[in-house]
Amino acid sequence: MRHTLIARVEDRPGAMNRLLGLLRGRGLGVHSIAFGESETPGVKRTTVLVDTDNVDQTMKQLNRLIEVLEVTDVTNSQFVVRETALVKIHAPEPRREEIRAVAEGFGARVIGSGPQSVVVEMTDTPARLGEMIALAQVLGACETMRSGSLAMALGAAIPREQPAAADDKGRPWWSQADGVS
């Protein structure tokens, strides 16, 4: 079953690689992963769409990674999910107005054009993006780039952590984790 997991991860070199390596090493199908800044300095928020039959075990394994601060499965909760797509449609000048009308019908916008192509940008649910891309393919040959799903639970906000003590900032990260100097 596909699950939507949201993780808060410390911003350290290799953290994303270890997270993805753990999922791939367990043979899980990763459909989407998005990694970006969060409201807390030094902490990234990650959205992962993964196929797993045992989500509790997957969450426990992710929580064992040193850099992972918290993992939440929002699959059965109320949450919003959005994805952004750039679609380049190869079309001569006479088809431009038709492409613009289709884009506007989906709430997308034309962000660039060349002599033989138009680039359209759209942010919506993954399913709605798929519909727009399918229709764009009818209008002309397409190239697409999708961002990956971003999800956020509609529950209470997560409280902010206290910033690291001033004397911890000069110490290496591994000595901060276990109290070793």
N, C-alpha and C. Protein backbone atom coordinates (compact mmCIF):
# COMPACT_ATOMS: atom_id res chain seq x y z
N MET A 1 0.83 -1.18 0.00
CA MET A 1 0.00 0.00 0.00
C MET A 1 0.88 1.25 0.00
N ARG A 2 0.48 2.27 -0.71
CA ARG A 2 1.23 3.52 -0.77
C ARG A 2 0.93 4.36 0.46
N HIS A 3 2.00 4.83 1.11
CA HIS A 3 1.88 5.68 2.30
C HIS A 3 2.58 7.00 2.06
N THR A 4 2.03 8.05 2.67
CA THR A 4 2.65 9.37 2.62
C THR A 4 3.27 9.63 3.98
N LEU A 5 4.61 9.71 3.99
CA LEU A 5 5.34 9.95 5.23
C LEU A 5 5.95 11.35 5.18
N ILE A 6 5.88 12.03 6.31
CA ILE A 6 6.52 13.34 6.44
C ILE A 6 7.58 13.19 7.53
N ALA A 7 8.81 13.56 7.19
CA ALA A 7 9.92 13.44 8.15
C ALA A 7 10.58 14.80 8.32
N ARG A 8 11.04 15.04 9.54
CA ARG A 8 11.88 16.20 9.82
C ARG A 8 13.29 15.65 9.98
N VAL A 9 14.23 16.19 9.21
CA VAL A 9 15.58 15.64 9.12
C VAL A 9 16.58 16.76 9.33
N GLU A 10 17.62 16.48 10.13
CA GLU A 10 18.68 17.46 10.31
C GLU A 10 19.39 17.70 8.99
N ASP A 11 19.76 18.93 8.73
CA ASP A 11 20.43 19.32 7.49
C ASP A 11 21.93 19.04 7.63
N ARG A 12 22.33 17.81 7.31
CA ARG A 12 23.72 17.39 7.37
C ARG A 12 24.11 16.76 6.04
N PRO A 13 25.39 16.83 5.70
CA PRO A 13 25.83 16.18 4.47
C PRO A 13 25.52 14.68 4.50
N GLY A 14 24.92 14.17 3.44
CA GLY A 14 24.62 12.75 3.33
C GLY A 14 23.33 12.29 3.97
N ALA A 15 22.61 13.18 4.67
CA ALA A 15 21.38 12.77 5.36
C ALA A 15 20.34 12.26 4.37
N MET A 16 20.16 12.98 3.27
CA MET A 16 19.18 12.56 2.25
C MET A 16 19.58 11.22 1.65
N ASN A 17 20.87 11.04 1.40
CA ASN A 17 21.36 9.79 0.83
C ASN A 17 21.09 8.62 1.77
N ARG A 18 21.32 8.80 3.07
CA ARG A 18 21.07 7.71 4.04
C ARG A 18 19.58 7.38 4.13
N LEU A 19 18.73 8.41 4.11
CA LEU A 19 17.29 8.19 4.17
C LEU A 19 16.82 7.40 2.95
N LEU A 20 17.22 7.84 1.77
CA LEU A 20 16.82 7.15 0.55
C LEU A 20 17.45 5.77 0.47
N GLY A 21 18.70 5.64 0.90
CA GLY A 21 19.38 4.34 0.91
C GLY A 21 18.69 3.33 1.80
N LEU A 22 18.19 3.78 2.95
CA LEU A 22 17.46 2.89 3.85
C LEU A 22 16.20 2.36 3.17
N LEU A 23 15.45 3.26 2.54
CA LEU A 23 14.21 2.85 1.87
C LEU A 23 14.49 1.89 0.72
N ARG A 24 15.46 2.23 -0.13
CA ARG A 24 15.79 1.39 -1.28
C ARG A 24 16.41 0.06 -0.83
N GLY A 25 17.21 0.10 0.24
CA GLY A 25 17.84 -1.12 0.75
C GLY A 25 16.83 -2.11 1.28
N ARG A 26 15.68 -1.65 1.70
CA ARG A 26 14.60 -2.53 2.19
C ARG A 26 13.71 -2.99 1.05
N GLY A 27 14.03 -2.57 -0.18
CA GLY A 27 13.26 -2.99 -1.35
C GLY A 27 11.91 -2.31 -1.47
N LEU A 28 11.76 -1.14 -0.86
CA LEU A 28 10.49 -0.42 -0.91
C LEU A 28 10.44 0.43 -2.17
N GLY A 29 9.27 0.52 -2.76
CA GLY A 29 9.09 1.35 -3.95
C GLY A 29 8.89 2.80 -3.54
N VAL A 30 9.82 3.65 -3.90
CA VAL A 30 9.72 5.08 -3.60
C VAL A 30 9.13 5.76 -4.83
N HIS A 31 7.93 6.32 -4.69
CA HIS A 31 7.25 6.98 -5.80
C HIS A 31 7.63 8.44 -5.92
N SER A 32 7.89 9.07 -4.78
CA SER A 32 8.22 10.48 -4.80
C SER A 32 8.96 10.81 -3.52
N ILE A 33 9.92 11.70 -3.64
CA ILE A 33 10.60 12.22 -2.44
C ILE A 33 10.90 13.69 -2.69
N ALA A 34 10.51 14.52 -1.76
CA ALA A 34 10.76 15.97 -1.85
C ALA A 34 11.42 16.39 -0.55
N PHE A 35 12.47 17.18 -0.66
CA PHE A 35 13.31 17.54 0.46
C PHE A 35 13.54 19.03 0.41
N GLY A 36 13.17 19.77 1.45
CA GLY A 36 13.35 21.22 1.40
C GLY A 36 13.41 21.85 2.78
N GLU A 37 13.61 23.15 2.78
CA GLU A 37 13.71 23.93 4.02
C GLU A 37 12.43 23.81 4.85
N SER A 38 12.58 23.91 6.16
CA SER A 38 11.42 23.94 7.06
C SER A 38 11.44 25.26 7.82
N GLU A 39 10.54 25.38 8.77
CA GLU A 39 10.45 26.59 9.58
C GLU A 39 11.57 26.68 10.61
N THR A 40 12.30 25.58 10.84
CA THR A 40 13.38 25.53 11.81
C THR A 40 14.73 25.55 11.11
N PRO A 41 15.60 26.50 11.42
CA PRO A 41 16.92 26.52 10.79
C PRO A 41 17.68 25.21 11.07
N GLY A 42 18.32 24.67 10.05
CA GLY A 42 19.09 23.44 10.21
C GLY A 42 18.27 22.17 10.14
N VAL A 43 16.97 22.30 9.88
CA VAL A 43 16.09 21.13 9.78
C VAL A 43 15.36 21.18 8.44
N LYS A 44 15.41 20.07 7.72
CA LYS A 44 14.70 19.95 6.44
C LYS A 44 13.42 19.15 6.67
N ARG A 45 12.41 19.45 5.87
CA ARG A 45 11.17 18.69 5.90
C ARG A 45 11.13 17.85 4.62
N THR A 46 10.83 16.58 4.78
CA THR A 46 10.86 15.63 3.67
C THR A 46 9.50 14.96 3.55
N THR A 47 8.99 14.89 2.32
CA THR A 47 7.76 14.14 2.04
C THR A 47 8.15 12.94 1.18
N VAL A 48 7.77 11.75 1.62
CA VAL A 48 8.11 10.52 0.90
C VAL A 48 6.83 9.75 0.63
N LEU A 49 6.59 9.39 -0.65
CA LEU A 49 5.50 8.49 -1.01
C LEU A 49 6.14 7.14 -1.26
N VAL A 50 5.80 6.15 -0.44
CA VAL A 50 6.49 4.86 -0.46
C VAL A 50 5.48 3.72 -0.40
N ASP A 51 5.77 2.63 -1.12
CA ASP A 51 4.97 1.42 -1.04
C ASP A 51 5.53 0.52 0.05
N THR A 52 4.73 0.25 1.08
CA THR A 52 5.15 -0.64 2.16
C THR A 52 3.93 -1.33 2.75
N ASP A 53 4.09 -2.60 3.11
CA ASP A 53 3.01 -3.33 3.76
C ASP A 53 3.06 -3.14 5.27
N ASN A 54 4.23 -2.75 5.78
CA ASN A 54 4.39 -2.57 7.22
C ASN A 54 4.93 -1.16 7.49
N VAL A 55 4.04 -0.19 7.50
CA VAL A 55 4.46 1.21 7.65
C VAL A 55 5.05 1.47 9.03
N ASP A 56 4.58 0.78 10.06
CA ASP A 56 5.15 0.98 11.40
C ASP A 56 6.62 0.59 11.43
N GLN A 57 6.96 -0.54 10.81
CA GLN A 57 8.35 -0.99 10.76
C GLN A 57 9.20 0.00 9.95
N THR A 58 8.66 0.48 8.85
CA THR A 58 9.38 1.46 8.03
C THR A 58 9.65 2.73 8.82
N MET A 59 8.67 3.20 9.58
CA MET A 59 8.85 4.41 10.39
C MET A 59 9.88 4.17 11.49
N LYS A 60 9.89 3.00 12.11
CA LYS A 60 10.88 2.68 13.14
C LYS A 60 12.29 2.70 12.55
N GLN A 61 12.44 2.12 11.36
CA GLN A 61 13.75 2.08 10.72
C GLN A 61 14.22 3.50 10.37
N LEU A 62 13.33 4.34 9.87
CA LEU A 62 13.70 5.71 9.57
C LEU A 62 14.09 6.48 10.83
N ASN A 63 13.36 6.25 11.92
CA ASN A 63 13.66 6.93 13.18
C ASN A 63 15.00 6.51 13.76
N ARG A 64 15.54 5.37 13.36
CA ARG A 64 16.85 4.93 13.83
C ARG A 64 18.00 5.73 13.21
N LEU A 65 17.75 6.38 12.09
CA LEU A 65 18.78 7.21 11.48
C LEU A 65 19.05 8.40 12.40
N ILE A 66 20.31 8.71 12.63
CA ILE A 66 20.69 9.78 13.55
C ILE A 66 20.07 11.11 13.15
N GLU A 67 20.05 11.40 11.85
CA GLU A 67 19.59 12.70 11.38
C GLU A 67 18.08 12.87 11.42
N VAL A 68 17.32 11.78 11.51
CA VAL A 68 15.86 11.85 11.48
C VAL A 68 15.34 12.23 12.86
N LEU A 69 14.66 13.36 12.93
CA LEU A 69 14.11 13.85 14.20
C LEU A 69 12.73 13.31 14.47
N GLU A 70 11.93 13.13 13.40
CA GLU A 70 10.54 12.70 13.57
C GLU A 70 10.01 12.21 12.23
N VAL A 71 9.19 11.15 12.27
CA VAL A 71 8.52 10.65 11.07
C VAL A 71 7.05 10.51 11.40
N THR A 72 6.19 10.98 10.50
CA THR A 72 4.75 10.90 10.67
C THR A 72 4.12 10.30 9.43
N ASP A 73 3.21 9.34 9.61
CA ASP A 73 2.44 8.79 8.49
C ASP A 73 1.12 9.54 8.45
N VAL A 74 0.90 10.31 7.38
CA VAL A 74 -0.32 11.10 7.27
C VAL A 74 -1.33 10.47 6.32
N THR A 75 -1.07 9.24 5.89
CA THR A 75 -1.91 8.59 4.90
C THR A 75 -3.39 8.56 5.30
N ASN A 76 -3.68 8.24 6.55
CA ASN A 76 -5.06 8.13 7.01
C ASN A 76 -5.51 9.35 7.79
N SER A 77 -4.79 10.45 7.65
CA SER A 77 -5.12 11.72 8.32
C SER A 77 -5.61 12.71 7.27
N GLN A 78 -6.05 13.84 7.75
CA GLN A 78 -6.37 14.92 6.83
C GLN A 78 -5.08 15.63 6.49
N PHE A 79 -4.77 15.72 5.20
CA PHE A 79 -3.57 16.40 4.76
C PHE A 79 -3.78 16.94 3.36
N VAL A 80 -2.95 17.91 3.01
CA VAL A 80 -2.98 18.45 1.65
C VAL A 80 -1.71 17.99 0.95
N VAL A 81 -1.84 17.76 -0.34
CA VAL A 81 -0.69 17.36 -1.15
C VAL A 81 -0.70 18.17 -2.44
N ARG A 82 0.46 18.67 -2.81
CA ARG A 82 0.61 19.45 -4.03
C ARG A 82 1.90 19.05 -4.71
N GLU A 83 1.92 19.27 -6.01
CA GLU A 83 3.08 18.97 -6.83
C GLU A 83 3.13 20.04 -7.92
N THR A 84 4.32 20.37 -8.35
CA THR A 84 4.48 21.34 -9.43
C THR A 84 5.04 20.62 -10.64
N ALA A 85 4.55 21.01 -11.82
CA ALA A 85 5.05 20.43 -13.07
C ALA A 85 5.37 21.53 -14.05
N LEU A 86 6.45 21.32 -14.79
CA LEU A 86 6.76 22.14 -15.95
C LEU A 86 6.54 21.25 -17.16
N VAL A 87 5.79 21.73 -18.13
CA VAL A 87 5.47 20.96 -19.33
C VAL A 87 5.85 21.78 -20.56
N LYS A 88 6.77 21.24 -21.36
CA LYS A 88 7.13 21.90 -22.62
C LYS A 88 6.36 21.20 -23.73
N ILE A 89 5.55 21.98 -24.42
CA ILE A 89 4.72 21.46 -25.50
C ILE A 89 5.29 21.97 -26.82
N HIS A 90 5.68 21.05 -27.67
CA HIS A 90 6.21 21.42 -28.98
C HIS A 90 5.02 21.70 -29.90
N ALA A 91 4.88 22.96 -30.26
CA ALA A 91 3.74 23.37 -31.09
C ALA A 91 4.09 24.62 -31.87
N PRO A 92 3.69 24.68 -33.12
CA PRO A 92 3.94 25.89 -33.91
C PRO A 92 3.04 27.03 -33.44
N GLU A 93 3.33 28.21 -33.90
CA GLU A 93 2.63 29.44 -33.51
C GLU A 93 1.10 29.36 -33.58
N PRO A 94 0.49 28.77 -34.62
CA PRO A 94 -0.98 28.76 -34.68
C PRO A 94 -1.67 28.02 -33.52
N ARG A 95 -0.98 27.11 -32.85
CA ARG A 95 -1.59 26.34 -31.76
C ARG A 95 -1.44 27.00 -30.40
N ARG A 96 -0.72 28.13 -30.34
CA ARG A 96 -0.41 28.77 -29.05
C ARG A 96 -1.66 29.19 -28.28
N GLU A 97 -2.64 29.74 -28.97
CA GLU A 97 -3.85 30.20 -28.28
C GLU A 97 -4.61 29.02 -27.69
N GLU A 98 -4.64 27.91 -28.40
CA GLU A 98 -5.30 26.69 -27.90
C GLU A 98 -4.58 26.18 -26.65
N ILE A 99 -3.26 26.19 -26.68
CA ILE A 99 -2.47 25.75 -25.52
C ILE A 99 -2.72 26.67 -24.33
N ARG A 100 -2.74 27.97 -24.57
CA ARG A 100 -2.99 28.93 -23.50
C ARG A 100 -4.38 28.71 -22.88
N ALA A 101 -5.39 28.43 -23.71
CA ALA A 101 -6.75 28.18 -23.20
C ALA A 101 -6.80 26.92 -22.34
N VAL A 102 -6.13 25.87 -22.80
CA VAL A 102 -6.09 24.62 -22.01
C VAL A 102 -5.38 24.86 -20.68
N ALA A 103 -4.24 25.57 -20.71
CA ALA A 103 -3.49 25.86 -19.49
C ALA A 103 -4.36 26.64 -18.50
N GLU A 104 -5.01 27.68 -18.97
CA GLU A 104 -5.86 28.48 -18.09
C GLU A 104 -7.02 27.68 -17.53
N GLY A 105 -7.54 26.73 -18.32
CA GLY A 105 -8.62 25.86 -17.84
C GLY A 105 -8.20 24.99 -16.67
N PHE A 106 -6.91 24.69 -16.57
CA PHE A 106 -6.37 23.89 -15.47
C PHE A 106 -5.76 24.76 -14.37
N GLY A 107 -5.83 26.07 -14.52
CA GLY A 107 -5.22 26.95 -13.53
C GLY A 107 -3.71 27.03 -13.69
N ALA A 108 -3.20 26.63 -14.85
CA ALA A 108 -1.78 26.70 -15.14
C ALA A 108 -1.49 28.01 -15.86
N ARG A 109 -0.20 28.30 -16.05
CA ARG A 109 0.15 29.50 -16.78
C ARG A 109 1.33 29.25 -17.69
N VAL A 110 1.33 29.94 -18.80
CA VAL A 110 2.44 29.87 -19.74
C VAL A 110 3.55 30.74 -19.18
N ILE A 111 4.74 30.17 -18.97
CA ILE A 111 5.84 30.94 -18.37
C ILE A 111 6.97 31.22 -19.35
N GLY A 112 6.89 30.62 -20.54
CA GLY A 112 7.92 30.89 -21.53
C GLY A 112 7.54 30.28 -22.86
N SER A 113 8.10 30.84 -23.94
CA SER A 113 7.83 30.28 -25.25
C SER A 113 9.02 30.54 -26.16
N GLY A 114 9.18 29.64 -27.10
CA GLY A 114 10.22 29.76 -28.11
C GLY A 114 9.56 29.65 -29.47
N PRO A 115 10.36 29.58 -30.53
CA PRO A 115 9.78 29.51 -31.87
C PRO A 115 8.91 28.27 -32.11
N GLN A 116 9.26 27.16 -31.48
CA GLN A 116 8.51 25.92 -31.72
C GLN A 116 7.92 25.29 -30.47
N SER A 117 8.00 25.97 -29.30
CA SER A 117 7.50 25.34 -28.08
C SER A 117 7.01 26.37 -27.07
N VAL A 118 6.22 25.86 -26.13
CA VAL A 118 5.66 26.67 -25.04
C VAL A 118 5.90 25.90 -23.75
N VAL A 119 6.29 26.60 -22.68
CA VAL A 119 6.48 25.97 -21.37
C VAL A 119 5.36 26.44 -20.45
N VAL A 120 4.68 25.45 -19.86
CA VAL A 120 3.54 25.71 -18.98
C VAL A 120 3.92 25.25 -17.58
N GLU A 121 3.54 26.03 -16.57
CA GLU A 121 3.77 25.68 -15.17
C GLU A 121 2.43 25.48 -14.48
N MET A 122 2.35 24.41 -13.65
CA MET A 122 1.10 24.14 -12.93
C MET A 122 1.43 23.54 -11.57
N THR A 123 0.72 23.98 -10.54
CA THR A 123 0.81 23.40 -9.20
C THR A 123 -0.59 22.95 -8.82
N ASP A 124 -0.71 21.67 -8.50
CA ASP A 124 -2.02 21.10 -8.13
C ASP A 124 -1.78 19.72 -7.54
N THR A 125 -2.84 18.94 -7.39
CA THR A 125 -2.69 17.57 -6.91
C THR A 125 -2.01 16.73 -8.00
N PRO A 126 -1.33 15.66 -7.62
CA PRO A 126 -0.68 14.82 -8.63
C PRO A 126 -1.65 14.28 -9.69
N ALA A 127 -2.86 13.93 -9.29
CA ALA A 127 -3.84 13.40 -10.25
C ALA A 127 -4.24 14.47 -11.27
N ARG A 128 -4.47 15.68 -10.80
CA ARG A 128 -4.87 16.77 -11.70
C ARG A 128 -3.72 17.13 -12.65
N LEU A 129 -2.49 17.07 -12.16
CA LEU A 129 -1.34 17.31 -13.04
C LEU A 129 -1.29 16.26 -14.14
N GLY A 130 -1.57 15.02 -13.77
CA GLY A 130 -1.59 13.95 -14.77
C GLY A 130 -2.62 14.20 -15.85
N GLU A 131 -3.79 14.71 -15.46
CA GLU A 131 -4.83 15.04 -16.44
C GLU A 131 -4.36 16.13 -17.40
N MET A 132 -3.73 17.18 -16.85
CA MET A 132 -3.26 18.27 -17.70
C MET A 132 -2.17 17.79 -18.65
N ILE A 133 -1.26 16.97 -18.16
CA ILE A 133 -0.18 16.46 -19.00
C ILE A 133 -0.73 15.58 -20.12
N ALA A 134 -1.72 14.75 -19.80
CA ALA A 134 -2.34 13.89 -20.83
C ALA A 134 -2.98 14.75 -21.93
N LEU A 135 -3.65 15.81 -21.54
CA LEU A 135 -4.26 16.70 -22.53
C LEU A 135 -3.20 17.45 -23.33
N ALA A 136 -2.12 17.84 -22.67
CA ALA A 136 -1.04 18.54 -23.37
C ALA A 136 -0.40 17.63 -24.42
N GLN A 137 -0.32 16.34 -24.15
CA GLN A 137 0.26 15.41 -25.11
C GLN A 137 -0.59 15.31 -26.38
N VAL A 138 -1.88 15.55 -26.26
CA VAL A 138 -2.75 15.56 -27.43
C VAL A 138 -2.45 16.79 -28.30
N LEU A 139 -2.06 17.90 -27.65
CA LEU A 139 -1.79 19.14 -28.37
C LEU A 139 -0.45 19.13 -29.10
N GLY A 140 0.49 18.32 -28.63
CA GLY A 140 1.81 18.25 -29.26
C GLY A 140 2.74 17.41 -28.41
N ALA A 141 3.90 17.08 -28.99
CA ALA A 141 4.88 16.31 -28.24
C ALA A 141 5.28 17.08 -26.98
N CYS A 142 5.46 16.36 -25.87
CA CYS A 142 5.72 17.01 -24.59
C CYS A 142 7.00 16.52 -23.94
N GLU A 143 7.58 17.41 -23.15
CA GLU A 143 8.62 17.07 -22.18
C GLU A 143 8.07 17.53 -20.84
N THR A 144 8.23 16.71 -19.82
CA THR A 144 7.69 17.09 -18.50
C THR A 144 8.74 16.95 -17.41
N MET A 145 8.59 17.76 -16.39
CA MET A 145 9.40 17.69 -15.17
C MET A 145 8.47 17.96 -14.01
N ARG A 146 8.38 16.95 -13.08
CA ARG A 146 7.52 17.09 -11.92
C ARG A 146 8.37 17.17 -10.66
N SER A 147 7.93 17.96 -9.71
CA SER A 147 8.71 18.24 -8.50
C SER A 147 8.71 17.10 -7.49
N GLY A 148 7.72 16.27 -7.50
CA GLY A 148 7.51 15.32 -6.41
C GLY A 148 6.48 15.92 -5.46
N SER A 149 5.78 15.07 -4.77
CA SER A 149 4.68 15.52 -3.91
C SER A 149 5.18 16.19 -2.64
N LEU A 150 4.54 17.27 -2.28
CA LEU A 150 4.74 17.94 -1.00
C LEU A 150 3.46 17.77 -0.21
N ALA A 151 3.58 17.30 1.02
CA ALA A 151 2.39 17.06 1.85
C ALA A 151 2.54 17.76 3.18
N MET A 152 1.41 18.18 3.74
CA MET A 152 1.38 18.76 5.06
C MET A 152 0.08 18.37 5.74
N ALA A 153 0.20 17.87 6.97
CA ALA A 153 -0.97 17.47 7.74
C ALA A 153 -1.77 18.71 8.13
N LEU A 154 -3.08 18.54 8.26
CA LEU A 154 -3.96 19.64 8.64
C LEU A 154 -4.20 19.69 10.14
N GLY A 155 -3.32 19.06 10.92
CA GLY A 155 -3.45 19.05 12.38
C GLY A 155 -2.72 20.22 13.01
N ALA A 156 -2.48 20.09 14.31
CA ALA A 156 -1.80 21.14 15.07
C ALA A 156 -0.35 21.27 14.61
N ALA A 157 0.17 22.46 14.75
CA ALA A 157 1.56 22.72 14.37
C ALA A 157 2.50 21.99 15.32
N ILE A 158 3.63 21.57 14.79
CA ILE A 158 4.66 20.91 15.60
C ILE A 158 5.41 22.01 16.35
N PRO A 159 5.59 21.86 17.69
CA PRO A 159 6.29 22.90 18.42
C PRO A 159 7.75 23.01 17.96
N ARG A 160 8.28 24.21 17.97
CA ARG A 160 9.67 24.44 17.55
C ARG A 160 10.61 23.94 18.63
N GLU A 161 11.73 23.39 18.19
CA GLU A 161 12.76 22.96 19.13
C GLU A 161 13.56 24.17 19.57
N GLN A 162 14.16 24.08 20.75
CA GLN A 162 15.03 25.14 21.22
C GLN A 162 16.32 25.09 20.41
N PRO A 163 16.89 26.25 20.07
CA PRO A 163 18.14 26.24 19.32
C PRO A 163 19.26 25.62 20.14
N ALA A 164 20.30 25.11 19.47
CA ALA A 164 21.43 24.49 20.15
C ALA A 164 22.11 25.53 21.04
N ALA A 165 22.66 25.04 22.14
CA ALA A 165 23.38 25.93 23.04
C ALA A 165 24.57 26.56 22.31
N ALA A 166 24.95 27.75 22.76
CA ALA A 166 26.03 28.48 22.08
C ALA A 166 27.33 27.69 22.07
N ASP A 167 27.62 26.94 23.15
CA ASP A 167 28.87 26.19 23.19
C ASP A 167 28.85 24.96 22.29
N ASP A 168 27.66 24.49 21.89
CA ASP A 168 27.54 23.34 20.99
C ASP A 168 27.87 23.71 19.54
N LYS A 169 27.72 24.97 19.17
CA LYS A 169 27.87 25.35 17.77
C LYS A 169 29.28 25.13 17.24
N GLY A 170 30.30 25.21 18.09
CA GLY A 170 31.66 25.01 17.64
C GLY A 170 32.09 23.55 17.63
N ARG A 171 31.31 22.67 18.25
CA ARG A 171 31.66 21.25 18.34
C ARG A 171 31.14 20.50 17.12
N PRO A 172 31.82 19.41 16.73
CA PRO A 172 31.33 18.59 15.61
C PRO A 172 29.97 17.99 15.94
N TRP A 173 29.16 17.73 14.91
CA TRP A 173 27.80 17.25 15.13
C TRP A 173 27.76 15.92 15.86
N TRP A 174 28.74 15.03 15.64
CA TRP A 174 28.67 13.71 16.27
C TRP A 174 28.90 13.79 17.77
N SER A 175 29.64 14.79 18.25
CA SER A 175 29.85 14.92 19.68
C SER A 175 28.65 15.58 20.34
N GLN A 176 27.84 16.31 19.59
CA GLN A 176 26.65 16.93 20.15
C GLN A 176 25.56 15.89 20.39
N ALA A 177 25.52 14.86 19.56
CA ALA A 177 24.45 13.87 19.64
C ALA A 177 24.51 13.02 20.89
N ASP A 178 25.72 12.66 21.36
CA ASP A 178 25.82 11.74 22.49
C ASP A 178 26.49 12.35 23.72
N GLY A 179 26.79 13.64 23.67
CA GLY A 179 27.38 14.31 24.82
C GLY A 179 28.87 14.11 24.96
N VAL A 180 29.53 13.47 24.01
CA VAL A 180 30.96 13.24 24.07
C VAL A 180 31.68 14.48 23.57
N SER A 181 32.71 14.90 24.23
CA SER A 181 33.45 16.10 23.81
C SER A 181 34.52 15.77 22.82
